[in-house]
């Protein structure tokens, strides 16, 4: 079974407030699991979201003088 995180744990892992993961859930931009009244976020969902938003650096940023 996959590790499920609370909203607070997800926010801590992302380095944000709890408002950010709650907004992602409300906008259905991230997978989540409802267990009764509790909401849990699969750890893999956070990893996928971070990977999708990762921007690779450019190789050369030189400008012509």
N, C-alpha and C. Protein backbone atom coordinates (compact mmCIF):
# COMPACT_ATOMS: atom_id res chain seq x y z
N UNK A 1 0.84 -1.19 0.00
CA UNK A 1 0.00 0.00 0.00
C UNK A 1 0.88 1.25 0.00
N UNK A 2 0.48 2.21 -0.78
CA UNK A 2 1.24 3.44 -0.92
C UNK A 2 1.11 4.32 0.33
N UNK A 3 2.16 5.08 0.59
CA UNK A 3 2.16 5.96 1.75
C UNK A 3 1.22 7.14 1.49
N UNK A 4 0.31 7.38 2.42
CA UNK A 4 -0.64 8.48 2.32
C UNK A 4 -0.26 9.56 3.33
N UNK A 5 -0.25 10.80 2.86
CA UNK A 5 0.15 11.93 3.70
C UNK A 5 -1.05 12.79 4.05
N UNK A 6 -1.01 13.37 5.25
CA UNK A 6 -2.02 14.36 5.60
C UNK A 6 -1.73 15.64 4.84
N UNK A 7 -2.66 16.56 4.86
CA UNK A 7 -2.45 17.84 4.19
C UNK A 7 -1.26 18.57 4.83
N UNK A 8 -1.16 18.50 6.15
CA UNK A 8 -0.05 19.15 6.85
C UNK A 8 1.29 18.53 6.47
N UNK A 9 1.34 17.21 6.37
CA UNK A 9 2.58 16.53 5.97
C UNK A 9 2.96 16.89 4.54
N UNK A 10 1.98 16.95 3.66
CA UNK A 10 2.23 17.31 2.26
C UNK A 10 2.77 18.74 2.18
N UNK A 11 2.17 19.64 2.94
CA UNK A 11 2.62 21.03 2.95
C UNK A 11 4.05 21.14 3.46
N UNK A 12 4.36 20.39 4.51
CA UNK A 12 5.72 20.41 5.06
C UNK A 12 6.72 19.88 4.04
N UNK A 13 6.36 18.82 3.36
CA UNK A 13 7.23 18.23 2.35
C UNK A 13 7.49 19.20 1.19
N UNK A 14 6.47 19.96 0.82
CA UNK A 14 6.60 20.93 -0.28
C UNK A 14 7.19 22.26 0.18
N UNK A 15 7.23 22.46 1.49
CA UNK A 15 7.75 23.73 2.01
C UNK A 15 6.75 24.86 1.86
N UNK A 16 5.47 24.55 1.97
CA UNK A 16 4.41 25.55 1.82
C UNK A 16 3.51 25.53 3.04
N UNK A 17 2.51 26.39 3.03
CA UNK A 17 1.48 26.34 4.07
C UNK A 17 0.47 25.27 3.69
N UNK A 18 -0.43 24.93 4.60
CA UNK A 18 -1.45 23.91 4.31
C UNK A 18 -2.45 24.41 3.27
N UNK A 19 -2.50 25.70 3.07
CA UNK A 19 -3.44 26.27 2.10
C UNK A 19 -3.15 25.79 0.67
N UNK A 20 -1.88 25.64 0.33
CA UNK A 20 -1.51 25.25 -1.04
C UNK A 20 -2.00 23.84 -1.38
N UNK A 21 -1.70 22.80 -0.58
CA UNK A 21 -2.24 21.48 -0.93
C UNK A 21 -3.77 21.44 -0.91
N UNK A 22 -4.38 22.19 -0.02
CA UNK A 22 -5.85 22.23 0.01
C UNK A 22 -6.40 22.85 -1.28
N UNK A 23 -5.71 23.87 -1.81
CA UNK A 23 -6.14 24.48 -3.07
C UNK A 23 -5.98 23.49 -4.22
N UNK A 24 -4.86 22.74 -4.22
CA UNK A 24 -4.65 21.73 -5.26
C UNK A 24 -5.77 20.69 -5.24
N UNK A 25 -6.19 20.32 -4.05
CA UNK A 25 -7.28 19.34 -3.91
C UNK A 25 -8.59 19.94 -4.40
N UNK A 26 -8.89 21.16 -3.98
CA UNK A 26 -10.14 21.82 -4.36
C UNK A 26 -10.23 21.99 -5.88
N UNK A 27 -9.10 22.29 -6.51
CA UNK A 27 -9.08 22.48 -7.97
C UNK A 27 -8.89 21.16 -8.72
N UNK A 28 -8.78 20.07 -7.98
CA UNK A 28 -8.58 18.72 -8.54
C UNK A 28 -7.34 18.67 -9.43
N UNK A 29 -6.27 19.32 -8.99
CA UNK A 29 -5.00 19.32 -9.73
C UNK A 29 -4.05 18.26 -9.21
N UNK A 30 -4.46 17.53 -8.16
CA UNK A 30 -3.63 16.48 -7.58
C UNK A 30 -4.54 15.34 -7.12
N UNK A 31 -4.02 14.12 -7.20
CA UNK A 31 -4.80 12.96 -6.73
C UNK A 31 -4.90 13.01 -5.22
N UNK A 32 -6.04 12.58 -4.68
CA UNK A 32 -6.20 12.49 -3.24
C UNK A 32 -7.17 11.37 -2.90
N UNK A 33 -7.17 10.98 -1.64
CA UNK A 33 -8.02 9.89 -1.17
C UNK A 33 -8.84 10.42 0.00
N UNK A 34 -10.14 10.16 -0.03
CA UNK A 34 -10.99 10.53 1.10
C UNK A 34 -11.24 9.28 1.92
N UNK A 35 -10.94 9.38 3.20
CA UNK A 35 -11.20 8.29 4.13
C UNK A 35 -12.16 8.87 5.17
N UNK A 36 -13.44 8.63 4.96
CA UNK A 36 -14.43 9.29 5.81
C UNK A 36 -14.37 10.78 5.56
N UNK A 37 -14.13 11.54 6.63
CA UNK A 37 -14.02 13.00 6.50
C UNK A 37 -12.58 13.45 6.28
N UNK A 38 -11.66 12.52 6.33
CA UNK A 38 -10.23 12.84 6.23
C UNK A 38 -9.76 12.78 4.77
N UNK A 39 -8.85 13.68 4.45
CA UNK A 39 -8.28 13.73 3.10
C UNK A 39 -6.81 13.35 3.21
N UNK A 40 -6.37 12.44 2.35
CA UNK A 40 -4.97 12.02 2.32
C UNK A 40 -4.45 12.16 0.90
N UNK A 41 -3.17 12.49 0.80
CA UNK A 41 -2.54 12.67 -0.51
C UNK A 41 -1.47 11.60 -0.69
N UNK A 42 -1.55 10.80 -1.75
CA UNK A 42 -0.50 9.81 -2.00
C UNK A 42 0.84 10.52 -2.25
N UNK A 43 1.90 9.99 -1.67
CA UNK A 43 3.23 10.59 -1.82
C UNK A 43 3.63 10.65 -3.30
N UNK A 44 3.23 9.65 -4.07
CA UNK A 44 3.59 9.64 -5.50
C UNK A 44 2.95 10.80 -6.25
N UNK A 45 1.79 11.26 -5.81
CA UNK A 45 1.14 12.41 -6.45
C UNK A 45 1.97 13.67 -6.29
N UNK A 46 2.57 13.83 -5.11
CA UNK A 46 3.43 15.00 -4.89
C UNK A 46 4.67 14.92 -5.76
N UNK A 47 5.25 13.72 -5.85
CA UNK A 47 6.45 13.54 -6.67
C UNK A 47 6.14 13.86 -8.13
N UNK A 48 5.02 13.37 -8.64
CA UNK A 48 4.63 13.63 -10.03
C UNK A 48 4.41 15.11 -10.27
N UNK A 49 3.78 15.79 -9.32
CA UNK A 49 3.52 17.22 -9.47
C UNK A 49 4.83 18.01 -9.51
N UNK A 50 5.76 17.66 -8.65
CA UNK A 50 7.05 18.36 -8.61
C UNK A 50 7.83 18.09 -9.90
N UNK A 51 7.83 16.83 -10.36
CA UNK A 51 8.54 16.49 -11.59
C UNK A 51 7.94 17.22 -12.80
N UNK A 52 6.63 17.33 -12.83
CA UNK A 52 5.96 18.00 -13.95
C UNK A 52 6.28 19.49 -13.98
N UNK A 53 6.53 20.08 -12.82
CA UNK A 53 6.80 21.51 -12.75
C UNK A 53 8.27 21.86 -12.75
N UNK A 54 9.14 20.85 -12.82
CA UNK A 54 10.58 21.10 -12.78
C UNK A 54 11.05 21.66 -14.12
N UNK A 55 11.81 22.73 -14.05
CA UNK A 55 12.36 23.38 -15.25
C UNK A 55 13.86 23.17 -15.25
N UNK A 56 14.37 22.60 -16.33
CA UNK A 56 15.80 22.35 -16.45
C UNK A 56 16.52 23.63 -16.84
N UNK A 57 17.74 23.84 -16.34
CA UNK A 57 18.48 25.04 -16.69
C UNK A 57 18.96 25.00 -18.14
N UNK A 58 19.18 26.18 -18.71
CA UNK A 58 19.72 26.27 -20.06
C UNK A 58 21.20 25.96 -20.02
N UNK A 59 21.71 25.48 -21.12
CA UNK A 59 23.14 25.17 -21.19
C UNK A 59 23.97 26.44 -21.31
N UNK A 60 23.51 27.39 -22.10
CA UNK A 60 24.27 28.61 -22.32
C UNK A 60 23.34 29.81 -22.25
N UNK A 61 23.70 30.78 -21.47
CA UNK A 61 22.87 31.98 -21.32
C UNK A 61 23.59 33.22 -21.82
N UNK A 62 24.62 33.03 -22.63
CA UNK A 62 25.41 34.18 -23.10
C UNK A 62 24.62 35.02 -24.09
N UNK A 63 24.80 36.30 -23.97
CA UNK A 63 24.19 37.24 -24.90
C UNK A 63 25.29 37.90 -25.72
N UNK A 64 24.95 38.26 -26.91
CA UNK A 64 25.92 38.96 -27.76
C UNK A 64 26.12 40.38 -27.22
N UNK A 65 27.37 40.79 -27.13
CA UNK A 65 27.67 42.12 -26.57
C UNK A 65 27.65 43.21 -27.61
